[in-house]
């Protein structure tokens, strides 16, 4: 018997995955982050601004964002989008949070691996960094579904990584470009001197968008298996 490998539909994942971002629950989460950051900014407490960043953390708040807040929000978005796509059902905020955060410890462990790898890459000298950049992008794309596997299928870290590696076979380029599109939005706001509150706002929108698209693509593949 010939087995035909499932393929991600690029256009469907991009368009319908993006529409998930308009869901009231996700807009409420983004709005909450924006309100918090505006409060911190106008109160003169800029160190309390919550912003995803690819740079090394400069404060305890940034460490909390990197290791705890980022994976927590990621888990909530994954659970919400995956349930909508696979079951045509919208969970309430409470249901989504409790369902998603049940896998939080495992997700934090996985996320710590990526964060620490990112820190190491950041401090690597330029020439070695150039040499490992392409292999690093390849591996990151191969492991892009690991978060979804933990939240949706309750996999452990190793299972999540190995399953993601298999799911991206035949889908690497599709997933690379799907992930690249939200990432391109962030580039103008990651230069030194850009406003922290602008970087935070655009960063969260870009992150939520990426999570929606990747989760939709993951649901496409796993629903067909």
C-alpha atoms as a PDB file:
ATOM      1  CA  UNK A   1       0.000   0.000   0.000  1.00  0.00           C
ATOM      2  CA  UNK A   2       1.348   3.406  -0.942  1.00  0.00           C
ATOM      3  CA  UNK A   3       1.211   6.024   1.806  1.00  0.00           C
ATOM      4  CA  UNK A   4       0.752   9.621   0.658  1.00  0.00           C
ATOM      5  CA  UNK A   5       2.216  12.105   3.113  1.00  0.00           C
ATOM      6  CA  UNK A   6      -0.097  14.938   4.170  1.00  0.00           C
ATOM      7  CA  UNK A   7       0.866  18.396   2.981  1.00  0.00           C
ATOM      8  CA  UNK A   8       0.223  21.748   4.590  1.00  0.00           C
ATOM      9  CA  UNK A   9      -1.963  23.993   2.434  1.00  0.00           C
ATOM     10  CA  UNK A  10       0.069  27.213   2.482  1.00  0.00           C
ATOM     11  CA  UNK A  11      -2.727  29.536   1.395  1.00  0.00           C
ATOM     12  CA  UNK A  12      -5.305  27.987   3.701  1.00  0.00           C
ATOM     13  CA  UNK A  13      -2.994  28.012   6.709  1.00  0.00           C
ATOM     14  CA  UNK A  14      -2.015  31.628   6.065  1.00  0.00           C
ATOM     15  CA  UNK A  15      -5.505  33.015   5.443  1.00  0.00           C
ATOM     16  CA  UNK A  16      -7.647  30.953   7.804  1.00  0.00           C
ATOM     17  CA  UNK A  17      -4.920  30.780  10.435  1.00  0.00           C
ATOM     18  CA  UNK A  18      -4.699  34.565  10.298  1.00  0.00           C
ATOM     19  CA  UNK A  19      -8.463  34.927  10.767  1.00  0.00           C
ATOM     20  CA  UNK A  20      -8.103  33.165  14.129  1.00  0.00           C
ATOM     21  CA  UNK A  21      -6.306  36.286  15.317  1.00  0.00           C
ATOM     22  CA  UNK A  22      -9.610  38.171  15.093  1.00  0.00           C
ATOM     23  CA  UNK A  23     -11.263  35.944  17.709  1.00  0.00           C
ATOM     24  CA  UNK A  24     -12.546  37.969  20.709  1.00  0.00           C
ATOM     25  CA  UNK A  25     -10.527  35.884  23.193  1.00  0.00           C
ATOM     26  CA  UNK A  26      -7.228  36.549  21.436  1.00  0.00           C
ATOM     27  CA  UNK A  27      -8.020  40.228  20.950  1.00  0.00           C
ATOM     28  CA  UNK A  28      -8.841  40.468  24.652  1.00  0.00           C
ATOM     29  CA  UNK A  29      -5.453  38.960  25.507  1.00  0.00           C
ATOM     30  CA  UNK A  30      -3.638  41.333  23.164  1.00  0.00           C
ATOM     31  CA  UNK A  31      -5.665  44.240  24.532  1.00  0.00           C
ATOM     32  CA  UNK A  32      -4.742  43.296  28.076  1.00  0.00           C
ATOM     33  CA  UNK A  33      -1.048  43.276  27.184  1.00  0.00           C
ATOM     34  CA  UNK A  34      -1.374  46.669  25.479  1.00  0.00           C
ATOM     35  CA  UNK A  35      -3.241  48.225  28.421  1.00  0.00           C
ATOM     36  CA  UNK A  36      -0.607  46.900  30.841  1.00  0.00           C
ATOM     37  CA  UNK A  37       2.234  48.285  28.727  1.00  0.00           C
ATOM     38  CA  UNK A  38       0.548  51.680  28.353  1.00  0.00           C
ATOM     39  CA  UNK A  39       0.026  51.828  32.110  1.00  0.00           C
ATOM     40  CA  UNK A  40       3.677  50.951  32.738  1.00  0.00           C
ATOM     41  CA  UNK A  41       4.877  53.483  30.169  1.00  0.00           C
ATOM     42  CA  UNK A  42       2.812  56.464  31.331  1.00  0.00           C
ATOM     43  CA  UNK A  43       3.432  55.637  34.994  1.00  0.00           C
ATOM     44  CA  UNK A  44       7.156  55.955  34.429  1.00  0.00           C
ATOM     45  CA  UNK A  45       7.623  52.238  35.108  1.00  0.00           C
ATOM     46  CA  UNK A  46       9.037  51.289  31.725  1.00  0.00           C
ATOM     47  CA  UNK A  47      10.855  48.335  33.277  1.00  0.00           C
ATOM     48  CA  UNK A  48       7.422  46.713  33.707  1.00  0.00           C
ATOM     49  CA  UNK A  49       6.685  46.765  29.965  1.00  0.00           C
ATOM     50  CA  UNK A  50       6.122  43.225  28.700  1.00  0.00           C
ATOM     51  CA  UNK A  51       7.709  42.623  25.312  1.00  0.00           C
ATOM     52  CA  UNK A  52       8.923  39.512  23.489  1.00  0.00           C
ATOM     53  CA  UNK A  53      12.524  40.000  22.434  1.00  0.00           C
ATOM     54  CA  UNK A  54      15.300  38.112  20.677  1.00  0.00           C
ATOM     55  CA  UNK A  55      17.934  39.983  22.665  1.00  0.00           C
ATOM     56  CA  UNK A  56      19.538  38.915  25.915  1.00  0.00           C
ATOM     57  CA  UNK A  57      17.378  39.853  28.935  1.00  0.00           C
ATOM     58  CA  UNK A  58      18.395  42.988  30.799  1.00  0.00           C
ATOM     59  CA  UNK A  59      16.032  42.651  33.768  1.00  0.00           C
ATOM     60  CA  UNK A  60      14.184  40.099  35.884  1.00  0.00           C
ATOM     61  CA  UNK A  61      10.926  41.042  34.127  1.00  0.00           C
ATOM     62  CA  UNK A  62      12.438  40.159  30.747  1.00  0.00           C
ATOM     63  CA  UNK A  63      13.530  36.772  32.120  1.00  0.00           C
ATOM     64  CA  UNK A  64       9.966  36.141  33.354  1.00  0.00           C
ATOM     65  CA  UNK A  65       8.613  37.069  29.916  1.00  0.00           C
ATOM     66  CA  UNK A  66      11.107  34.812  28.133  1.00  0.00           C
ATOM     67  CA  UNK A  67      10.708  31.713  30.301  1.00  0.00           C
ATOM     68  CA  UNK A  68       7.146  31.903  31.690  1.00  0.00           C
ATOM     69  CA  UNK A  69       4.788  34.445  30.105  1.00  0.00           C
ATOM     70  CA  UNK A  70       5.711  33.653  26.504  1.00  0.00           C
ATOM     71  CA  UNK A  71       5.050  29.873  26.741  1.00  0.00           C
ATOM     72  CA  UNK A  72       1.903  30.447  28.834  1.00  0.00           C
ATOM     73  CA  UNK A  73       0.342  32.722  26.220  1.00  0.00           C
ATOM     74  CA  UNK A  74       1.534  30.392  23.462  1.00  0.00           C
ATOM     75  CA  UNK A  75      -0.228  27.456  25.156  1.00  0.00           C
ATOM     76  CA  UNK A  76      -3.499  29.380  25.482  1.00  0.00           C
ATOM     77  CA  UNK A  77      -3.459  30.402  21.813  1.00  0.00           C
ATOM     78  CA  UNK A  78      -2.620  26.857  20.697  1.00  0.00           C
ATOM     79  CA  UNK A  79      -5.421  25.304  22.744  1.00  0.00           C
ATOM     80  CA  UNK A  80      -7.965  27.867  21.532  1.00  0.00           C
ATOM     81  CA  UNK A  81      -7.076  27.665  17.825  1.00  0.00           C
ATOM     82  CA  UNK A  82      -6.655  23.879  17.768  1.00  0.00           C
ATOM     83  CA  UNK A  83     -10.073  23.368  19.380  1.00  0.00           C
ATOM     84  CA  UNK A  84     -11.755  25.768  16.953  1.00  0.00           C
ATOM     85  CA  UNK A  85     -10.172  24.124  13.900  1.00  0.00           C
ATOM     86  CA  UNK A  86     -10.603  20.466  14.882  1.00  0.00           C
ATOM     87  CA  UNK A  87     -13.883  20.603  16.800  1.00  0.00           C
ATOM     88  CA  UNK A  88     -15.548  23.776  15.473  1.00  0.00           C
ATOM     89  CA  UNK A  89     -15.966  24.792  19.096  1.00  0.00           C
ATOM     90  CA  UNK A  90     -14.903  27.906  20.963  1.00  0.00           C
ATOM     91  CA  UNK A  91     -13.802  27.403  24.540  1.00  0.00           C
ATOM     92  CA  UNK A  92     -14.375  30.089  27.137  1.00  0.00           C
ATOM     93  CA  UNK A  93     -11.409  31.962  28.563  1.00  0.00           C
ATOM     94  CA  UNK A  94     -11.473  29.859  31.748  1.00  0.00           C
ATOM     95  CA  UNK A  95     -11.763  26.567  29.844  1.00  0.00           C
ATOM     96  CA  UNK A  96      -8.947  27.548  27.507  1.00  0.00           C
ATOM     97  CA  UNK A  97      -6.613  28.573  30.322  1.00  0.00           C
ATOM     98  CA  UNK A  98      -7.188  25.470  32.443  1.00  0.00           C
ATOM     99  CA  UNK A  99      -6.915  23.155  29.439  1.00  0.00           C
ATOM    100  CA  UNK A 100      -3.757  24.813  28.117  1.00  0.00           C
ATOM    101  CA  UNK A 101      -1.876  25.299  31.350  1.00  0.00           C
ATOM    102  CA  UNK A 102      -2.272  21.671  32.351  1.00  0.00           C
ATOM    103  CA  UNK A 103       0.754  21.108  30.106  1.00  0.00           C
ATOM    104  CA  UNK A 104       2.561  24.226  31.304  1.00  0.00           C
ATOM    105  CA  UNK A 105       5.502  22.560  33.144  1.00  0.00           C
ATOM    106  CA  UNK A 106       6.371  20.446  30.098  1.00  0.00           C
ATOM    107  CA  UNK A 107       5.967  23.448  27.817  1.00  0.00           C
ATOM    108  CA  UNK A 108       8.287  25.541  29.995  1.00  0.00           C
ATOM    109  CA  UNK A 109      10.902  22.792  29.772  1.00  0.00           C
ATOM    110  CA  UNK A 110      10.679  22.758  25.977  1.00  0.00           C
ATOM    111  CA  UNK A 111      10.672  26.541  25.745  1.00  0.00           C
ATOM    112  CA  UNK A 112      13.727  26.803  27.990  1.00  0.00           C
ATOM    113  CA  UNK A 113      15.668  24.715  25.466  1.00  0.00           C
ATOM    114  CA  UNK A 114      14.823  27.149  22.667  1.00  0.00           C
ATOM    115  CA  UNK A 115      15.430  30.252  24.803  1.00  0.00           C
ATOM    116  CA  UNK A 116      18.837  29.094  26.032  1.00  0.00           C
ATOM    117  CA  UNK A 117      19.802  28.081  22.485  1.00  0.00           C
ATOM    118  CA  UNK A 118      18.779  31.577  21.374  1.00  0.00           C
ATOM    119  CA  UNK A 119      20.889  33.189  24.096  1.00  0.00           C
ATOM    120  CA  UNK A 120      23.906  31.125  23.044  1.00  0.00           C
ATOM    121  CA  UNK A 121      23.375  32.095  19.409  1.00  0.00           C
ATOM    122  CA  UNK A 122      23.099  35.775  20.374  1.00  0.00           C
ATOM    123  CA  UNK A 123      26.469  35.843  22.165  1.00  0.00           C
ATOM    124  CA  UNK A 124      28.237  33.765  19.512  1.00  0.00           C
ATOM    125  CA  UNK A 125      30.886  35.743  17.558  1.00  0.00           C
ATOM    126  CA  UNK A 126      29.858  36.872  14.083  1.00  0.00           C
ATOM    127  CA  UNK A 127      31.829  34.401  11.955  1.00  0.00           C
ATOM    128  CA  UNK A 128      30.744  31.235  13.836  1.00  0.00           C
ATOM    129  CA  UNK A 129      27.219  32.687  13.944  1.00  0.00           C
ATOM    130  CA  UNK A 130      27.156  32.935  10.151  1.00  0.00           C
ATOM    131  CA  UNK A 131      28.338  29.339   9.857  1.00  0.00           C
ATOM    132  CA  UNK A 132      25.582  27.948  12.078  1.00  0.00           C
ATOM    133  CA  UNK A 133      22.777  30.303  10.977  1.00  0.00           C
ATOM    134  CA  UNK A 134      21.421  28.130   8.148  1.00  0.00           C
ATOM    135  CA  UNK A 135      21.602  24.839  10.112  1.00  0.00           C
ATOM    136  CA  UNK A 136      19.928  26.615  13.061  1.00  0.00           C
ATOM    137  CA  UNK A 137      17.079  27.870  10.859  1.00  0.00           C
ATOM    138  CA  UNK A 138      16.658  24.382   9.403  1.00  0.00           C
ATOM    139  CA  UNK A 139      16.448  22.746  12.835  1.00  0.00           C
ATOM    140  CA  UNK A 140      14.142  25.437  14.254  1.00  0.00           C
ATOM    141  CA  UNK A 141      11.719  24.963  11.355  1.00  0.00           C
ATOM    142  CA  UNK A 142      11.824  21.175  11.763  1.00  0.00           C
ATOM    143  CA  UNK A 143      10.850  21.572  15.421  1.00  0.00           C
ATOM    144  CA  UNK A 144       8.178  24.225  14.860  1.00  0.00           C
ATOM    145  CA  UNK A 145       5.251  21.938  15.814  1.00  0.00           C
ATOM    146  CA  UNK A 146       6.735  20.836  19.152  1.00  0.00           C
ATOM    147  CA  UNK A 147       4.661  23.305  21.199  1.00  0.00           C
ATOM    148  CA  UNK A 148       1.449  22.205  19.502  1.00  0.00           C
ATOM    149  CA  UNK A 149       2.269  18.547  20.097  1.00  0.00           C
ATOM    150  CA  UNK A 150       2.675  19.139  23.842  1.00  0.00           C
ATOM    151  CA  UNK A 151      -0.535  21.156  24.225  1.00  0.00           C
ATOM    152  CA  UNK A 152      -2.800  19.242  21.822  1.00  0.00           C
ATOM    153  CA  UNK A 153      -1.494  15.687  22.213  1.00  0.00           C
ATOM    154  CA  UNK A 154      -0.004  15.842  25.736  1.00  0.00           C
ATOM    155  CA  UNK A 155       3.379  14.636  24.495  1.00  0.00           C
ATOM    156  CA  UNK A 156       6.544  14.866  26.547  1.00  0.00           C
ATOM    157  CA  UNK A 157       9.437  17.016  25.325  1.00  0.00           C
ATOM    158  CA  UNK A 158      11.236  14.282  23.389  1.00  0.00           C
ATOM    159  CA  UNK A 159       8.022  13.006  21.772  1.00  0.00           C
ATOM    160  CA  UNK A 160       7.081  16.547  20.787  1.00  0.00           C
ATOM    161  CA  UNK A 161      10.438  17.203  19.148  1.00  0.00           C
ATOM    162  CA  UNK A 162      10.537  13.885  17.280  1.00  0.00           C
ATOM    163  CA  UNK A 163       6.916  14.176  16.089  1.00  0.00           C
ATOM    164  CA  UNK A 164       7.477  17.720  14.850  1.00  0.00           C
ATOM    165  CA  UNK A 165      10.528  16.523  12.950  1.00  0.00           C
ATOM    166  CA  UNK A 166       8.392  13.909  11.180  1.00  0.00           C
ATOM    167  CA  UNK A 167       5.441  16.225  10.508  1.00  0.00           C
ATOM    168  CA  UNK A 168       7.638  18.758   8.735  1.00  0.00           C
ATOM    169  CA  UNK A 169       8.963  16.191   6.256  1.00  0.00           C
ATOM    170  CA  UNK A 170       7.734  17.410   2.891  1.00  0.00           C
ATOM    171  CA  UNK A 171       6.485  20.603   4.538  1.00  0.00           C
ATOM    172  CA  UNK A 172       9.721  22.355   5.477  1.00  0.00           C
ATOM    173  CA  UNK A 173       9.562  25.148   2.920  1.00  0.00           C
ATOM    174  CA  UNK A 174       5.878  25.786   3.559  1.00  0.00           C
ATOM    175  CA  UNK A 175       6.439  26.088   7.298  1.00  0.00           C
ATOM    176  CA  UNK A 176       9.549  28.214   6.827  1.00  0.00           C
ATOM    177  CA  UNK A 177       7.686  30.801   4.752  1.00  0.00           C
ATOM    178  CA  UNK A 178       4.596  30.662   6.986  1.00  0.00           C
ATOM    179  CA  UNK A 179       6.805  31.476   9.978  1.00  0.00           C
ATOM    180  CA  UNK A 180       8.783  34.067   8.023  1.00  0.00           C
ATOM    181  CA  UNK A 181       5.807  36.284   7.187  1.00  0.00           C
ATOM    182  CA  UNK A 182       4.950  37.342  10.791  1.00  0.00           C
ATOM    183  CA  UNK A 183       8.667  37.543  11.579  1.00  0.00           C
ATOM    184  CA  UNK A 184       9.290  40.081   8.816  1.00  0.00           C
ATOM    185  CA  UNK A 185       6.910  42.492  10.523  1.00  0.00           C
ATOM    186  CA  UNK A 186       9.157  42.595  13.572  1.00  0.00           C
ATOM    187  CA  UNK A 187      12.391  43.485  11.765  1.00  0.00           C
ATOM    188  CA  UNK A 188      11.899  47.295  11.648  1.00  0.00           C
ATOM    189  CA  UNK A 189      11.065  47.321  15.375  1.00  0.00           C
ATOM    190  CA  UNK A 190      14.023  45.276  16.646  1.00  0.00           C
ATOM    191  CA  UNK A 191      16.717  47.814  15.829  1.00  0.00           C
ATOM    192  CA  UNK A 192      18.453  49.574  18.678  1.00  0.00           C
ATOM    193  CA  UNK A 193      16.650  52.740  19.718  1.00  0.00           C
ATOM    194  CA  UNK A 194      13.158  51.618  18.777  1.00  0.00           C
ATOM    195  CA  UNK A 195      10.455  52.372  21.336  1.00  0.00           C
ATOM    196  CA  UNK A 196      10.024  49.555  23.837  1.00  0.00           C
ATOM    197  CA  UNK A 197       6.257  49.924  23.921  1.00  0.00           C
ATOM    198  CA  UNK A 198       6.043  49.848  20.099  1.00  0.00           C
ATOM    199  CA  UNK A 199       8.340  46.835  19.986  1.00  0.00           C
ATOM    200  CA  UNK A 200       6.223  45.136  22.637  1.00  0.00           C
ATOM    201  CA  UNK A 201       2.920  45.810  20.874  1.00  0.00           C
ATOM    202  CA  UNK A 202       4.116  44.717  17.427  1.00  0.00           C
ATOM    203  CA  UNK A 203       6.010  41.820  18.976  1.00  0.00           C
ATOM    204  CA  UNK A 204       2.941  40.355  20.670  1.00  0.00           C
ATOM    205  CA  UNK A 205       0.764  40.790  17.577  1.00  0.00           C
ATOM    206  CA  UNK A 206       3.434  39.094  15.463  1.00  0.00           C
ATOM    207  CA  UNK A 207       3.824  36.272  18.005  1.00  0.00           C
ATOM    208  CA  UNK A 208       0.069  35.632  18.290  1.00  0.00           C
ATOM    209  CA  UNK A 209      -0.202  35.654  14.498  1.00  0.00           C
ATOM    210  CA  UNK A 210       2.626  33.134  14.187  1.00  0.00           C
ATOM    211  CA  UNK A 211       1.078  30.843  16.818  1.00  0.00           C
ATOM    212  CA  UNK A 212      -2.296  30.949  15.031  1.00  0.00           C
ATOM    213  CA  UNK A 213      -0.811  30.110  11.628  1.00  0.00           C
ATOM    214  CA  UNK A 214       1.421  27.296  12.897  1.00  0.00           C
ATOM    215  CA  UNK A 215      -1.379  25.788  14.992  1.00  0.00           C
ATOM    216  CA  UNK A 216      -3.732  25.864  12.016  1.00  0.00           C
ATOM    217  CA  UNK A 217      -1.107  24.101   9.884  1.00  0.00           C
ATOM    218  CA  UNK A 218      -0.551  21.559  12.671  1.00  0.00           C
ATOM    219  CA  UNK A 219      -4.289  20.884  12.835  1.00  0.00           C
ATOM    220  CA  UNK A 220      -4.316  20.347   9.065  1.00  0.00           C
ATOM    221  CA  UNK A 221      -1.665  17.642   9.334  1.00  0.00           C
ATOM    222  CA  UNK A 222      -2.840  15.862  12.460  1.00  0.00           C
ATOM    223  CA  UNK A 223      -6.496  15.883  11.411  1.00  0.00           C
ATOM    224  CA  UNK A 224      -5.555  13.973   8.262  1.00  0.00           C
ATOM    225  CA  UNK A 225      -3.520  11.285   9.988  1.00  0.00           C
END
